[in-house]
Protein backbone atom coordinates (compact mmCIF):
# COMPACT_ATOMS: atom_id res chain seq x y z
CA MET A 1 25.47 102.37 45.18
CA SER A 2 28.82 102.98 46.84
CA ALA A 3 31.92 100.88 46.25
CA ASP A 4 30.91 98.28 48.87
CA GLY A 5 27.42 97.84 47.38
CA THR A 6 25.51 99.79 50.03
CA SER A 7 23.38 102.85 49.33
CA PRO A 8 25.05 106.15 50.30
CA TRP A 9 21.69 107.94 50.69
CA PRO A 10 20.99 107.16 54.40
CA ALA A 11 24.39 108.57 55.35
CA LEU A 12 23.74 111.73 53.35
CA TRP A 13 20.31 112.22 54.94
CA ALA A 14 21.89 111.89 58.38
CA LEU A 15 24.57 114.47 57.57
CA VAL A 16 22.19 117.07 56.18
CA ILE A 17 20.22 117.25 59.45
CA GLY A 18 23.15 118.99 61.09
CA PHE A 19 23.99 120.84 57.90
CA PHE A 20 20.46 122.27 57.93
CA MET A 21 20.96 123.51 61.51
CA ILE A 22 24.18 125.37 60.88
CA LEU A 23 22.86 127.11 57.77
CA VAL A 24 19.62 128.10 59.51
CA ASP A 25 21.78 129.80 62.13
CA ALA A 26 23.51 131.86 59.44
CA THR A 27 20.27 133.77 58.75
CA ILE A 28 17.96 133.13 61.70
CA VAL A 29 19.18 136.25 63.52
CA THR A 30 18.05 138.60 60.73
CA VAL A 31 14.41 138.60 61.80
CA ALA A 32 15.43 138.92 65.47
CA THR A 33 17.40 142.13 64.81
CA PRO A 34 14.72 144.47 66.25
CA ALA A 35 14.22 142.22 69.29
CA LEU A 36 17.98 142.14 69.99
CA LEU A 37 18.19 145.93 69.60
CA VAL A 38 15.60 146.32 72.35
CA ALA A 39 16.86 143.47 74.57
CA PHE A 40 20.44 144.73 74.69
CA GLY A 41 19.89 148.47 74.03
CA THR A 42 22.51 148.50 71.30
CA ASP A 43 22.83 149.63 67.66
CA VAL A 44 22.19 147.95 64.29
CA ASN A 45 25.87 147.51 63.46
CA THR A 46 26.56 145.70 66.75
CA VAL A 47 23.58 143.38 66.28
CA VAL A 48 24.74 142.58 62.74
CA TRP A 49 27.99 141.41 64.35
CA VAL A 50 25.94 138.61 65.96
CA THR A 51 25.61 137.24 62.43
CA SER A 52 28.99 138.40 61.13
CA ALA A 53 30.91 136.85 64.04
CA TYR A 54 29.24 133.51 63.34
CA LEU A 55 29.91 133.73 59.61
CA LEU A 56 33.51 134.84 60.13
CA ALA A 57 34.27 132.04 62.61
CA TYR A 58 32.53 129.68 60.18
CA ALA A 59 34.48 130.82 57.11
CA VAL A 60 38.07 131.16 58.32
CA PRO A 61 38.72 127.57 59.55
CA LEU A 62 37.06 125.81 56.59
CA LEU A 63 40.34 125.45 54.71
CA VAL A 64 41.75 123.56 57.69
CA THR A 65 38.66 121.55 58.64
CA GLY A 66 38.38 120.18 55.12
CA ARG A 67 41.86 118.75 55.55
CA LEU A 68 40.97 117.47 59.03
CA GLY A 69 38.29 115.33 57.40
CA ASP A 70 40.89 113.79 55.08
CA ARG A 71 43.22 113.14 58.02
CA PHE A 72 40.85 111.92 60.76
CA GLY A 73 37.81 110.88 58.73
CA PRO A 74 34.80 113.01 57.81
CA LYS A 75 32.53 111.18 60.26
CA ASN A 76 34.75 111.85 63.29
CA VAL A 77 35.34 115.52 62.46
CA TYR A 78 31.64 116.05 61.75
CA LEU A 79 30.60 114.57 65.11
CA ALA A 80 33.15 116.70 66.98
CA GLY A 81 31.91 119.83 65.24
CA LEU A 82 28.27 118.96 65.90
CA ALA A 83 29.00 118.59 69.62
CA VAL A 84 30.71 122.00 69.72
CA PHE A 85 27.87 123.60 67.77
CA THR A 86 25.13 122.16 69.99
CA VAL A 87 26.79 123.21 73.27
CA ALA A 88 27.51 126.68 71.86
CA SER A 89 23.83 127.01 70.86
CA LEU A 90 22.82 126.46 74.49
CA TRP A 91 25.40 129.08 75.53
CA CYS A 92 23.97 131.60 73.05
CA GLY A 93 20.49 131.32 74.54
CA LEU A 94 21.81 131.78 78.08
CA THR A 95 23.88 134.92 77.43
CA GLY A 96 23.08 138.18 79.22
CA THR A 97 25.05 140.72 77.19
CA ILE A 98 25.49 141.42 73.48
CA GLY A 99 29.25 140.91 73.83
CA GLU A 100 28.84 137.47 75.37
CA LEU A 101 26.34 136.54 72.65
CA ILE A 102 28.85 137.50 69.96
CA VAL A 103 31.54 135.35 71.63
CA ALA A 104 29.15 132.40 71.88
CA ARG A 105 28.32 132.81 68.19
CA VAL A 106 32.04 132.53 67.42
CA ALA A 107 32.06 129.15 69.16
CA GLN A 108 29.00 128.14 67.12
CA GLY A 109 30.78 129.15 63.93
CA LEU A 110 33.82 127.03 64.78
CA GLY A 111 31.60 123.98 65.25
CA ALA A 112 29.85 124.68 61.95
CA ALA A 113 33.20 124.98 60.19
CA MET A 114 34.14 121.48 61.30
CA MET A 115 30.89 120.02 59.93
CA THR A 116 30.32 121.62 56.54
CA PRO A 117 33.21 120.28 54.40
CA GLN A 118 32.49 116.74 55.53
CA THR A 119 29.05 116.65 53.83
CA MET A 120 30.49 117.50 50.40
CA ALA A 121 33.45 115.19 50.95
CA VAL A 122 31.12 112.26 51.68
CA ILE A 123 29.14 112.99 48.50
CA THR A 124 32.30 113.17 46.40
CA ARG A 125 33.73 109.95 47.87
CA THR A 126 30.58 107.78 47.95
CA PHE A 127 28.50 108.80 44.92
CA PRO A 128 29.59 108.05 41.33
CA ALA A 129 30.15 111.14 39.16
CA ALA A 130 27.04 110.58 37.06
CA GLN A 131 24.80 110.58 40.18
CA ARG A 132 26.32 113.47 42.09
CA GLY A 133 23.84 115.93 40.61
CA ARG A 134 21.00 114.24 42.48
CA ALA A 135 23.07 114.01 45.65
CA MET A 136 24.09 117.65 45.34
CA SER A 137 20.46 118.58 44.72
CA LEU A 138 19.68 117.31 48.22
CA TRP A 139 22.70 119.17 49.60
CA GLY A 140 21.69 122.25 47.60
CA ALA A 141 18.03 121.99 48.61
CA VAL A 142 19.03 121.85 52.25
CA ALA A 143 21.44 124.77 51.80
CA GLY A 144 18.88 126.87 49.99
CA VAL A 145 15.89 126.05 52.17
CA ALA A 146 17.88 126.35 55.41
CA THR A 147 19.30 129.79 54.69
CA LEU A 148 15.88 130.97 53.58
CA THR A 149 13.95 129.17 56.33
CA GLY A 150 16.10 130.80 59.00
CA PRO A 151 14.16 134.08 59.05
CA VAL A 152 10.81 132.23 58.94
CA LEU A 153 11.69 129.96 61.85
CA GLY A 154 13.30 132.88 63.68
CA GLY A 155 10.17 134.98 63.33
CA VAL A 156 7.93 132.26 64.75
CA LEU A 157 10.26 131.55 67.68
CA VAL A 158 10.92 135.21 68.52
CA GLY A 159 7.23 136.06 68.34
CA ALA A 160 6.06 133.09 70.41
CA LEU A 161 8.88 132.35 72.87
CA GLY A 162 11.54 135.08 72.71
CA TRP A 163 14.86 135.55 70.91
CA GLU A 164 16.65 132.99 73.11
CA TRP A 165 14.72 130.16 71.46
CA ILE A 166 16.29 130.71 68.05
CA PHE A 167 19.32 129.10 69.71
CA PHE A 168 17.70 126.70 72.21
CA VAL A 169 15.92 124.89 69.36
CA ASN A 170 19.29 123.58 68.14
CA VAL A 171 19.88 121.50 71.27
CA PRO A 172 17.35 118.67 70.71
CA LEU A 173 18.02 118.74 66.95
CA GLY A 174 21.73 118.43 67.64
CA VAL A 175 21.20 115.33 69.78
CA VAL A 176 19.08 113.67 67.07
CA ALA A 177 21.61 114.56 64.36
CA PHE A 178 24.51 113.17 66.44
CA ALA A 179 22.76 109.82 66.88
CA ALA A 180 21.84 109.61 63.17
CA VAL A 181 25.39 110.30 62.00
CA TRP A 182 26.88 107.91 64.57
CA TYR A 183 24.78 104.99 63.27
CA LEU A 184 24.38 105.75 59.54
CA VAL A 185 27.57 107.39 58.26
CA PRO A 186 30.41 104.98 57.39
CA SER A 187 34.00 105.49 58.46
CA LEU A 188 35.90 106.34 55.28
CA GLU A 189 39.57 105.80 54.57
CA THR A 190 41.89 108.52 55.89
CA SER A 191 45.20 109.88 54.66
CA LYS A 192 48.06 111.61 56.45
CA ARG A 193 47.99 115.40 56.13
CA ARG A 194 50.30 118.14 57.26
CA PHE A 195 48.90 121.55 58.07
CA ASP A 196 50.25 124.80 56.72
CA LEU A 197 50.25 126.90 59.91
CA VAL A 198 51.63 129.98 58.12
CA GLY A 199 48.80 129.73 55.63
CA VAL A 200 46.26 129.42 58.45
CA VAL A 201 47.54 132.61 60.10
CA LEU A 202 47.67 134.55 56.82
CA SER A 203 44.19 133.53 55.69
CA ALA A 204 42.59 134.22 59.08
CA THR A 205 44.30 137.60 59.44
CA GLY A 206 43.45 138.72 55.92
CA VAL A 207 39.78 137.78 56.13
CA PHE A 208 39.36 139.35 59.58
CA LEU A 209 40.97 142.67 58.60
CA LEU A 210 38.93 142.86 55.42
CA VAL A 211 35.55 142.13 57.04
CA PHE A 212 36.18 144.15 60.19
CA GLY A 213 37.25 147.16 58.15
CA ILE A 214 34.22 146.99 55.85
CA GLN A 215 31.69 146.57 58.64
CA GLU A 216 33.12 149.11 61.08
CA GLY A 217 33.92 151.77 58.47
CA GLN A 218 30.56 153.51 58.68
CA ARG A 219 30.70 153.68 62.48
CA TYR A 220 34.05 155.49 62.39
CA ASP A 221 33.10 157.60 59.36
CA TRP A 222 35.99 155.91 57.51
CA GLY A 223 38.42 157.81 59.73
CA PRO A 224 40.85 156.73 62.48
CA ILE A 225 39.94 153.53 64.30
CA VAL A 226 43.17 152.62 66.16
CA GLY A 227 45.22 155.71 66.96
CA PRO A 228 45.94 157.43 63.64
CA ILE A 229 45.20 154.29 61.57
CA PRO A 230 42.12 154.86 59.36
CA VAL A 231 39.54 152.16 58.70
CA TRP A 232 40.28 152.03 55.00
CA MET A 233 43.88 151.05 55.81
CA LEU A 234 42.60 147.91 57.57
CA ILE A 235 40.72 146.95 54.40
CA VAL A 236 43.81 147.50 52.25
CA ALA A 237 45.94 145.55 54.73
CA GLY A 238 43.47 142.66 54.64
CA ALA A 239 43.58 142.55 50.84
CA VAL A 240 47.39 142.66 50.87
CA VAL A 241 47.60 139.84 53.42
CA LEU A 242 45.30 137.70 51.27
CA VAL A 243 47.52 138.33 48.24
CA VAL A 244 50.52 137.24 50.34
CA PHE A 245 48.52 134.15 51.35
CA VAL A 246 47.99 133.19 47.70
CA TRP A 247 51.71 133.76 47.01
CA TRP A 248 52.63 131.60 49.98
CA GLN A 249 50.36 128.80 48.76
CA SER A 250 52.08 128.90 45.36
CA ARG A 251 55.48 128.54 47.07
CA THR A 252 54.48 125.79 49.50
CA ARG A 253 55.32 122.40 48.05
CA SER A 254 54.41 120.21 51.03
CA GLU A 255 50.65 120.15 51.71
CA PRO A 256 49.61 123.78 51.07
CA LEU A 257 46.42 124.89 52.78
CA VAL A 258 44.88 125.56 49.35
CA ALA A 259 46.02 123.30 46.53
CA LEU A 260 46.14 125.89 43.75
CA GLN A 261 46.08 123.15 41.11
CA LEU A 262 42.40 122.71 41.95
CA PHE A 263 41.79 126.00 40.16
CA ARG A 264 43.18 124.56 36.93
CA ASP A 265 39.76 122.98 36.56
CA ARG A 266 37.72 125.67 34.84
CA ASN A 267 34.42 124.72 36.42
CA PHE A 268 35.89 124.60 39.93
CA SER A 269 37.23 128.15 39.55
CA LEU A 270 34.01 129.53 38.06
CA ALA A 271 31.85 127.73 40.62
CA ASN A 272 33.80 129.37 43.45
CA ILE A 273 33.12 132.81 41.97
CA ALA A 274 29.44 132.01 41.51
CA ILE A 275 28.87 130.56 44.99
CA CYS A 276 30.59 133.56 46.56
CA THR A 277 27.98 135.84 44.99
CA VAL A 278 25.15 133.50 46.04
CA GLY A 279 26.41 133.47 49.64
CA PHE A 280 26.63 137.28 49.55
CA ALA A 281 23.09 137.69 48.22
CA ILE A 282 21.40 135.09 50.45
CA THR A 283 22.82 136.70 53.59
CA ALA A 284 22.46 140.33 52.53
CA GLN A 285 18.87 140.20 51.26
CA GLY A 286 17.29 139.27 54.58
CA PHE A 287 18.35 142.23 56.72
CA PRO A 288 16.72 145.10 54.77
CA LEU A 289 13.59 143.07 54.00
CA MET A 290 12.97 142.06 57.62
CA ILE A 291 13.67 145.57 58.96
CA TYR A 292 11.37 147.05 56.29
CA ALA A 293 8.59 144.61 57.17
CA GLN A 294 8.76 145.28 60.91
CA ASN A 295 9.62 148.99 61.03
CA VAL A 296 7.88 150.34 57.95
CA ARG A 297 4.90 147.97 57.73
CA GLY A 298 4.56 147.31 61.46
CA PHE A 299 4.55 143.52 61.06
CA SER A 300 5.33 141.29 64.02
CA PRO A 301 8.45 139.10 63.74
CA THR A 302 6.25 136.14 62.79
CA GLU A 303 4.30 138.12 60.17
CA ALA A 304 7.53 139.47 58.69
CA ALA A 305 9.04 136.01 58.49
CA LEU A 306 5.96 134.60 56.76
CA LEU A 307 6.75 136.81 53.77
CA LEU A 308 9.55 134.34 52.98
CA VAL A 309 7.37 131.21 53.05
CA PRO A 310 6.86 131.15 49.23
CA LEU A 311 10.61 131.46 48.77
CA ALA A 312 11.45 128.57 51.09
CA VAL A 313 8.64 126.30 49.84
CA LEU A 314 9.35 126.79 46.13
CA SER A 315 13.10 126.44 46.62
CA GLY A 316 12.77 123.15 48.48
CA ALA A 317 10.04 121.70 46.27
CA LEU A 318 11.83 122.38 42.98
CA ALA A 319 15.38 121.49 44.06
CA PRO A 320 15.10 117.69 43.50
CA TRP A 321 13.83 118.29 39.97
CA THR A 322 16.67 120.68 39.14
CA GLY A 323 19.13 118.17 40.65
CA ARG A 324 18.00 115.47 38.25
CA LEU A 325 18.28 117.90 35.34
CA THR A 326 21.81 118.78 36.44
CA ASP A 327 22.90 115.19 35.72
CA ARG A 328 21.38 115.35 32.22
CA ILE A 329 21.85 118.79 30.69
CA HIS A 330 24.51 121.48 30.71
CA PRO A 331 24.65 122.97 34.24
CA ARG A 332 25.10 126.49 32.90
CA LEU A 333 21.57 126.39 31.46
CA ILE A 334 19.93 125.70 34.82
CA GLY A 335 22.41 127.72 36.84
CA GLY A 336 22.32 130.66 34.44
CA PHE A 337 18.52 130.78 34.61
CA GLY A 338 18.69 130.66 38.41
CA MET A 339 21.29 133.43 38.71
CA ALA A 340 19.48 135.70 36.25
CA THR A 341 16.08 135.30 37.92
CA PHE A 342 17.67 135.71 41.36
CA ALA A 343 19.00 139.13 40.39
CA ILE A 344 15.76 140.08 38.63
CA GLY A 345 13.73 139.07 41.68
CA LEU A 346 15.79 141.33 43.95
CA PHE A 347 15.58 144.29 41.57
CA TRP A 348 11.82 143.71 41.39
CA LEU A 349 11.52 143.47 45.17
CA ALA A 350 13.42 146.74 45.63
CA ALA A 351 11.04 148.44 43.20
CA VAL A 352 7.92 147.52 45.21
CA MET A 353 9.23 148.11 48.77
CA SER A 354 7.10 151.15 49.57
CA PRO A 355 5.14 151.89 52.79
CA ASP A 356 1.73 150.89 51.40
CA THR A 357 2.51 148.17 48.83
CA PRO A 358 -0.11 145.39 48.96
CA VAL A 359 1.38 142.22 50.43
CA TRP A 360 0.61 140.21 47.30
CA GLN A 361 2.85 142.53 45.28
CA LEU A 362 5.71 141.73 47.66
CA LEU A 363 5.04 138.00 47.43
CA LEU A 364 5.41 137.90 43.64
CA PRO A 365 9.14 138.79 43.52
CA ILE A 366 9.73 136.74 46.68
CA SER A 367 8.21 133.72 44.89
CA LEU A 368 10.52 134.32 41.94
CA LEU A 369 13.43 134.24 44.40
CA GLY A 370 12.26 130.78 45.49
CA ILE A 371 12.24 129.50 41.91
CA SER A 372 15.67 130.98 41.25
CA ASN A 373 17.20 129.52 44.41
CA SER A 374 16.11 126.03 43.42
CA CYS A 375 18.17 126.42 40.24
CA VAL A 376 21.48 127.71 41.61
CA TRP A 377 22.69 125.36 44.34
CA ALA A 378 22.90 121.96 42.62
CA PRO A 379 24.41 123.14 39.27
CA ILE A 380 27.07 125.24 40.98
CA SER A 381 27.97 122.69 43.69
CA THR A 382 28.07 119.78 41.25
CA SER A 383 30.20 121.71 38.76
CA ALA A 384 32.67 122.52 41.52
CA THR A 385 33.17 118.97 42.78
CA ARG A 386 32.41 116.59 39.91
CA ASN A 387 35.97 116.47 38.56
CA LEU A 388 37.81 116.51 41.91
CA PRO A 389 40.17 113.56 42.54
CA MET A 390 39.10 111.48 45.54
CA GLU A 391 42.24 112.31 47.55
CA GLN A 392 41.43 116.03 47.29
CA ALA A 393 37.73 115.78 48.16
CA GLY A 394 38.18 117.32 51.60
CA SER A 395 40.50 120.06 50.39
CA GLY A 396 38.25 120.99 47.48
CA SER A 397 35.16 121.00 49.69
CA GLY A 398 36.96 123.20 52.19
CA VAL A 399 37.93 125.72 49.51
CA TYR A 400 34.42 125.77 48.01
CA ASN A 401 32.68 126.22 51.36
CA THR A 402 35.22 128.84 52.42
CA THR A 403 34.38 130.82 49.30
CA ARG A 404 30.66 130.50 49.96
CA GLN A 405 31.03 131.59 53.56
CA LEU A 406 33.39 134.43 52.66
CA GLY A 407 30.68 135.70 50.35
CA ALA A 408 28.19 135.45 53.22
CA VAL A 409 30.51 137.36 55.57
CA LEU A 410 31.05 140.10 53.02
CA GLY A 411 27.30 140.21 52.38
CA SER A 412 26.59 140.67 56.09
CA ALA A 413 29.25 143.36 56.46
CA GLY A 414 28.42 145.13 53.20
CA ILE A 415 24.66 145.29 53.81
CA ALA A 416 25.23 146.66 57.34
CA VAL A 417 27.34 149.49 55.94
CA LEU A 418 24.89 150.30 53.16
CA MET A 419 21.80 150.22 55.40
CA GLU A 420 23.35 152.59 57.93
CA ALA A 421 24.57 154.89 55.17
CA ARG A 422 21.16 155.05 53.46
CA ILE A 423 19.29 155.53 56.77
CA THR A 424 21.62 158.38 57.71
CA ALA A 425 21.23 159.98 54.28
CA LEU A 426 17.46 159.60 53.83
CA VAL A 427 15.78 159.43 57.26
CA PRO A 428 15.45 162.85 58.98
CA GLY A 429 17.22 162.93 62.34
CA ALA A 430 18.55 159.37 61.98
CA ALA A 431 22.11 160.36 62.83
CA ALA A 432 21.00 161.64 66.25
CA THR A 433 18.49 158.86 66.99
CA PRO A 434 19.55 155.64 68.80
CA ASP A 435 19.13 152.61 66.55
CA SER A 436 17.10 150.87 69.23
CA ALA A 437 14.41 153.53 68.73
CA PHE A 438 13.82 152.08 65.26
CA ALA A 439 13.05 148.67 66.77
CA ALA A 440 9.91 149.49 68.73
CA GLY A 441 7.37 148.60 66.03
CA ALA A 442 6.16 150.76 63.15
CA LEU A 443 7.80 154.14 62.57
CA PRO A 444 5.93 157.45 62.62
CA ASP A 445 4.17 158.17 59.31
CA GLU A 446 6.62 160.89 58.30
CA LEU A 447 9.56 158.46 58.53
CA ARG A 448 8.03 155.45 56.79
CA GLU A 449 8.62 156.61 53.21
CA PRO A 450 12.33 157.56 53.56
CA PHE A 451 13.03 154.46 55.67
CA ALA A 452 11.39 152.21 53.06
CA THR A 453 13.47 153.88 50.37
CA ALA A 454 16.66 153.28 52.37
CA MET A 455 15.88 149.57 52.74
CA ALA A 456 14.86 149.22 49.07
CA GLN A 457 18.10 150.81 47.92
CA SER A 458 20.02 148.40 50.16
CA VAL A 459 18.43 145.40 48.39
CA LEU A 460 20.04 146.59 45.15
CA LEU A 461 23.50 145.66 46.47
CA PRO A 462 23.03 141.84 46.46
CA ALA A 463 21.17 142.14 43.14
CA ALA A 464 24.18 143.84 41.54
CA VAL A 465 26.63 141.29 43.00
CA LEU A 466 24.62 138.42 41.45
CA VAL A 467 25.32 139.80 37.97
CA VAL A 468 28.96 138.76 38.48
CA GLY A 469 27.80 135.28 39.46
CA PHE A 470 25.63 135.01 36.36
CA VAL A 471 28.64 135.72 34.13
CA ALA A 472 30.67 133.01 35.92
CA VAL A 473 27.92 130.38 35.54
CA ALA A 474 27.42 131.27 31.88
CA CYS A 475 31.06 130.28 31.28
CA PHE A 476 30.78 126.73 32.72
CA ALA A 477 32.29 124.02 30.53
CA LEU A 478 30.43 120.80 29.68
CA PRO A 479 31.12 118.20 32.43
CA GLN A 480 33.41 115.30 31.51
CA HIS A 481 30.79 112.57 32.08
CA MET A 482 28.52 114.32 29.55
CA ARG A 483 31.33 114.61 27.02
CA SER A 484 31.96 110.88 27.29
CA ARG A 485 28.33 110.27 26.34
CA GLY A 486 28.59 112.57 23.35
CA ARG A 487 26.30 115.22 24.77
């Protein structure tokens, strides 16, 4: 029960409808990559920007939108963001060029950025600490299932109705979600907040330079991109700007964009590292798998997406159980198991991605990924927010979700670079072949083996990144509410 004696669960259920939508849209484009290549006659790297632009526009404003929830109320900011997201979804489906689609995806990302921190802030402010594991298990189940359901839903819609419908489907869902939040979510107390405009500019500039440099490096062969300026210099500049941003936050005494004292909490700091690697892996894993399924195996978009059904079903079915366990036992036990099996599942998947592997051998590691995903979201999210003071709920949620989305952006950019590099290195004639030629169904027999190898090697990148996340989760401290019970 919340402080006024009412149950906070109906409000949370209302919020996660929209939360589900915005996370589905982070991965739904992966299965539509071949269709977009053909529809717009463009290359893989440009199509990946359809996802990266969304993730980038989603990630950068989160630090500010978390504070907006504290200032104007999470309900009001959520509804405004949902309206922007729904209208932008309609725009995406109506676009006629790849450039316009990328711009429309930026608008979608801005709407999503307004919504996401409010869900965690409502959990932190309405659920008692000892029950947040169950609440976060719902939030985590939605996050896990949505990001993994995206390719499945995308495959069905692309195969049956066309790529436009991966965006049109958001419109009726957005209307339903708006009505549910309007009636079920309470108006919470607000507090006056100032906004660190210098911090906003520094964080946005640093993240953009870093991601743009990483993703465009392969296209320009890591050479000059603007006059004599090489791509690698953009990456270095982005890193330097982010260092300056952290310095500025340490010097800002009046309402910094990121309250660095949040990181004095050990679990908050470690959870941010862990969720960054999870965001990276969730986003990165889908691209090589879906391209392998459609180009090497000749699957339709729907058939390719159905490979992920065991992952989505197991993740959603097991998440409530792991959420209850998170309130009772040390979160590093559940989270550590999830991170370890997540990495193992991806290494296993890479090992069996050959042209003629029986489908059941692909489904085994994919099923393990479903089990692992059910064990990572609730322990990490709960560990990040359980000790946050109420007045910093929005700020902490903004930082945590920014970290998760930054990981997703880097995963999208990094996997695009690696896939293009491995295709160029392993597939004969790939450098002289338009990428859209790889989108017209199954490849010729002589290209299937090297192409499968290129995609399998790409899957190793998110697997390696998850090892860092496992180390972070393994270092979680025992939560305070468990210490008080002598556990």
